């Protein structure tokens, strides 16, 4: 399974969870003329949804093998170039995020 497919599957599960949460909130039914809250099993449904998302995320590879192979190939060919300006910008950005976080 490709990373993009797994991410799409995780996104779909999250969206479905949000839809289910909206649908489950605010439901009432009448019992002998009085409004009573409907019994819900949202905790177990929520736990199941969270477990599904965790499973999909766990299936994501920690290493993007396609990217690693591409970079190895470029290094072997001598066509890989590091943009020192971009590296410096990212280092400064990370430092600023650490300071202000």
C-alpha atoms as a PDB file:
ATOM      1  CA  UNK A   1       0.000   0.000   0.000  1.00  0.00           C
ATOM      2  CA  UNK A   2       1.380   3.410  -0.934  1.00  0.00           C
ATOM      3  CA  UNK A   3       1.817   6.130   1.673  1.00  0.00           C
ATOM      4  CA  UNK A   4      -0.599   8.448  -0.132  1.00  0.00           C
ATOM      5  CA  UNK A   5      -3.282   5.731  -0.196  1.00  0.00           C
ATOM      6  CA  UNK A   6      -2.834   5.079   3.525  1.00  0.00           C
ATOM      7  CA  UNK A   7      -2.978   8.796   4.312  1.00  0.00           C
ATOM      8  CA  UNK A   8      -6.147   9.107   2.228  1.00  0.00           C
ATOM      9  CA  UNK A   9      -7.659   6.177   4.115  1.00  0.00           C
ATOM     10  CA  UNK A  10      -6.769   7.816   7.456  1.00  0.00           C
ATOM     11  CA  UNK A  11      -8.279  11.109   6.292  1.00  0.00           C
ATOM     12  CA  UNK A  12     -11.475   9.348   5.239  1.00  0.00           C
ATOM     13  CA  UNK A  13     -11.745   7.624   8.630  1.00  0.00           C
ATOM     14  CA  UNK A  14     -11.260  10.936  10.435  1.00  0.00           C
ATOM     15  CA  UNK A  15     -13.882  12.645   8.262  1.00  0.00           C
ATOM     16  CA  UNK A  16     -16.325   9.785   8.876  1.00  0.00           C
ATOM     17  CA  UNK A  17     -15.692  10.070  12.610  1.00  0.00           C
ATOM     18  CA  UNK A  18     -16.474  13.805  12.502  1.00  0.00           C
ATOM     19  CA  UNK A  19     -19.687  13.137  10.567  1.00  0.00           C
ATOM     20  CA  UNK A  20     -20.723  10.453  13.083  1.00  0.00           C
ATOM     21  CA  UNK A  21     -20.013  12.787  16.015  1.00  0.00           C
ATOM     22  CA  UNK A  22     -22.182  15.538  14.486  1.00  0.00           C
ATOM     23  CA  UNK A  23     -24.988  13.094  13.776  1.00  0.00           C
ATOM     24  CA  UNK A  24     -24.862  11.642  17.299  1.00  0.00           C
ATOM     25  CA  UNK A  25     -24.983  14.968  19.135  1.00  0.00           C
ATOM     26  CA  UNK A  26     -28.277  16.515  20.202  1.00  0.00           C
ATOM     27  CA  UNK A  27     -30.577  13.560  19.515  1.00  0.00           C
ATOM     28  CA  UNK A  28     -33.588  13.321  21.811  1.00  0.00           C
ATOM     29  CA  UNK A  29     -36.609  11.077  21.990  1.00  0.00           C
ATOM     30  CA  UNK A  30     -39.918  11.461  23.812  1.00  0.00           C
ATOM     31  CA  UNK A  31     -40.772   9.205  26.719  1.00  0.00           C
ATOM     32  CA  UNK A  32     -44.320   9.632  28.098  1.00  0.00           C
ATOM     33  CA  UNK A  33     -44.509  13.215  26.837  1.00  0.00           C
ATOM     34  CA  UNK A  34     -41.126  14.305  28.250  1.00  0.00           C
ATOM     35  CA  UNK A  35     -37.913  14.838  26.349  1.00  0.00           C
ATOM     36  CA  UNK A  36     -35.274  12.305  27.298  1.00  0.00           C
ATOM     37  CA  UNK A  37     -31.761  12.043  26.003  1.00  0.00           C
ATOM     38  CA  UNK A  38     -31.275   9.128  23.719  1.00  0.00           C
ATOM     39  CA  UNK A  39     -28.927   6.464  24.970  1.00  0.00           C
ATOM     40  CA  UNK A  40     -25.792   6.363  22.911  1.00  0.00           C
ATOM     41  CA  UNK A  41     -22.810   4.123  22.651  1.00  0.00           C
ATOM     42  CA  UNK A  42     -20.608   6.896  21.346  1.00  0.00           C
ATOM     43  CA  UNK A  43     -17.730   6.026  23.655  1.00  0.00           C
ATOM     44  CA  UNK A  44     -17.327   2.552  22.201  1.00  0.00           C
ATOM     45  CA  UNK A  45     -17.900   3.856  18.662  1.00  0.00           C
ATOM     46  CA  UNK A  46     -15.358   6.580  19.274  1.00  0.00           C
ATOM     47  CA  UNK A  47     -12.875   4.073  20.670  1.00  0.00           C
ATOM     48  CA  UNK A  48     -13.384   1.859  17.603  1.00  0.00           C
ATOM     49  CA  UNK A  49     -12.855   4.816  15.256  1.00  0.00           C
ATOM     50  CA  UNK A  50      -9.723   5.888  17.097  1.00  0.00           C
ATOM     51  CA  UNK A  51      -8.428   2.332  16.957  1.00  0.00           C
ATOM     52  CA  UNK A  52      -9.029   2.215  13.188  1.00  0.00           C
ATOM     53  CA  UNK A  53      -7.105   5.471  12.705  1.00  0.00           C
ATOM     54  CA  UNK A  54      -4.260   4.180  14.886  1.00  0.00           C
ATOM     55  CA  UNK A  55      -4.112   1.000  12.809  1.00  0.00           C
ATOM     56  CA  UNK A  56      -3.941   2.933   9.538  1.00  0.00           C
ATOM     57  CA  UNK A  57      -1.242   5.233  10.919  1.00  0.00           C
ATOM     58  CA  UNK A  58       0.744   2.271  12.241  1.00  0.00           C
ATOM     59  CA  UNK A  59       0.804   0.859   8.709  1.00  0.00           C
ATOM     60  CA  UNK A  60       2.512   3.978   7.388  1.00  0.00           C
ATOM     61  CA  UNK A  61       6.182   3.319   6.767  1.00  0.00           C
ATOM     62  CA  UNK A  62       8.600   5.252   8.951  1.00  0.00           C
ATOM     63  CA  UNK A  63      10.982   5.572   6.016  1.00  0.00           C
ATOM     64  CA  UNK A  64       9.809   6.755   2.618  1.00  0.00           C
ATOM     65  CA  UNK A  65      11.695   4.146   0.643  1.00  0.00           C
ATOM     66  CA  UNK A  66      10.963   5.720  -2.762  1.00  0.00           C
ATOM     67  CA  UNK A  67      12.485   9.015  -1.607  1.00  0.00           C
ATOM     68  CA  UNK A  68      15.536   7.298  -0.108  1.00  0.00           C
ATOM     69  CA  UNK A  69      16.148   5.348  -3.333  1.00  0.00           C
ATOM     70  CA  UNK A  70      15.805   8.525  -5.413  1.00  0.00           C
ATOM     71  CA  UNK A  71      18.300  10.386  -3.233  1.00  0.00           C
ATOM     72  CA  UNK A  72      20.767   7.469  -3.277  1.00  0.00           C
ATOM     73  CA  UNK A  73      20.547   7.393  -7.061  1.00  0.00           C
ATOM     74  CA  UNK A  74      21.157  11.148  -7.335  1.00  0.00           C
ATOM     75  CA  UNK A  75      24.116  10.942  -4.926  1.00  0.00           C
ATOM     76  CA  UNK A  76      25.639   8.054  -6.907  1.00  0.00           C
ATOM     77  CA  UNK A  77      25.262  10.025 -10.147  1.00  0.00           C
ATOM     78  CA  UNK A  78      26.689  13.155  -8.578  1.00  0.00           C
ATOM     79  CA  UNK A  79      23.569  15.188  -9.369  1.00  0.00           C
ATOM     80  CA  UNK A  80      22.450  15.725  -5.761  1.00  0.00           C
ATOM     81  CA  UNK A  81      23.073  19.290  -4.630  1.00  0.00           C
ATOM     82  CA  UNK A  82      22.379  20.728  -1.207  1.00  0.00           C
ATOM     83  CA  UNK A  83      20.953  24.248  -1.145  1.00  0.00           C
ATOM     84  CA  UNK A  84      22.776  25.710   1.846  1.00  0.00           C
ATOM     85  CA  UNK A  85      20.417  28.686   1.912  1.00  0.00           C
ATOM     86  CA  UNK A  86      17.398  26.433   2.337  1.00  0.00           C
ATOM     87  CA  UNK A  87      19.168  24.438   5.053  1.00  0.00           C
ATOM     88  CA  UNK A  88      20.037  27.633   6.931  1.00  0.00           C
ATOM     89  CA  UNK A  89      16.458  28.927   6.583  1.00  0.00           C
ATOM     90  CA  UNK A  90      15.028  25.686   7.993  1.00  0.00           C
ATOM     91  CA  UNK A  91      17.495  25.756  10.903  1.00  0.00           C
ATOM     92  CA  UNK A  92      16.529  29.324  11.778  1.00  0.00           C
ATOM     93  CA  UNK A  93      12.828  28.514  11.397  1.00  0.00           C
ATOM     94  CA  UNK A  94      13.164  25.537  13.743  1.00  0.00           C
ATOM     95  CA  UNK A  95      15.058  27.646  16.277  1.00  0.00           C
ATOM     96  CA  UNK A  96      12.410  30.370  16.206  1.00  0.00           C
ATOM     97  CA  UNK A  97       9.642  27.811  16.630  1.00  0.00           C
ATOM     98  CA  UNK A  98      11.458  26.373  19.665  1.00  0.00           C
ATOM     99  CA  UNK A  99      11.878  29.839  21.178  1.00  0.00           C
ATOM    100  CA  UNK A 100       8.268  30.936  20.697  1.00  0.00           C
ATOM    101  CA  UNK A 101       6.600  27.589  21.367  1.00  0.00           C
END
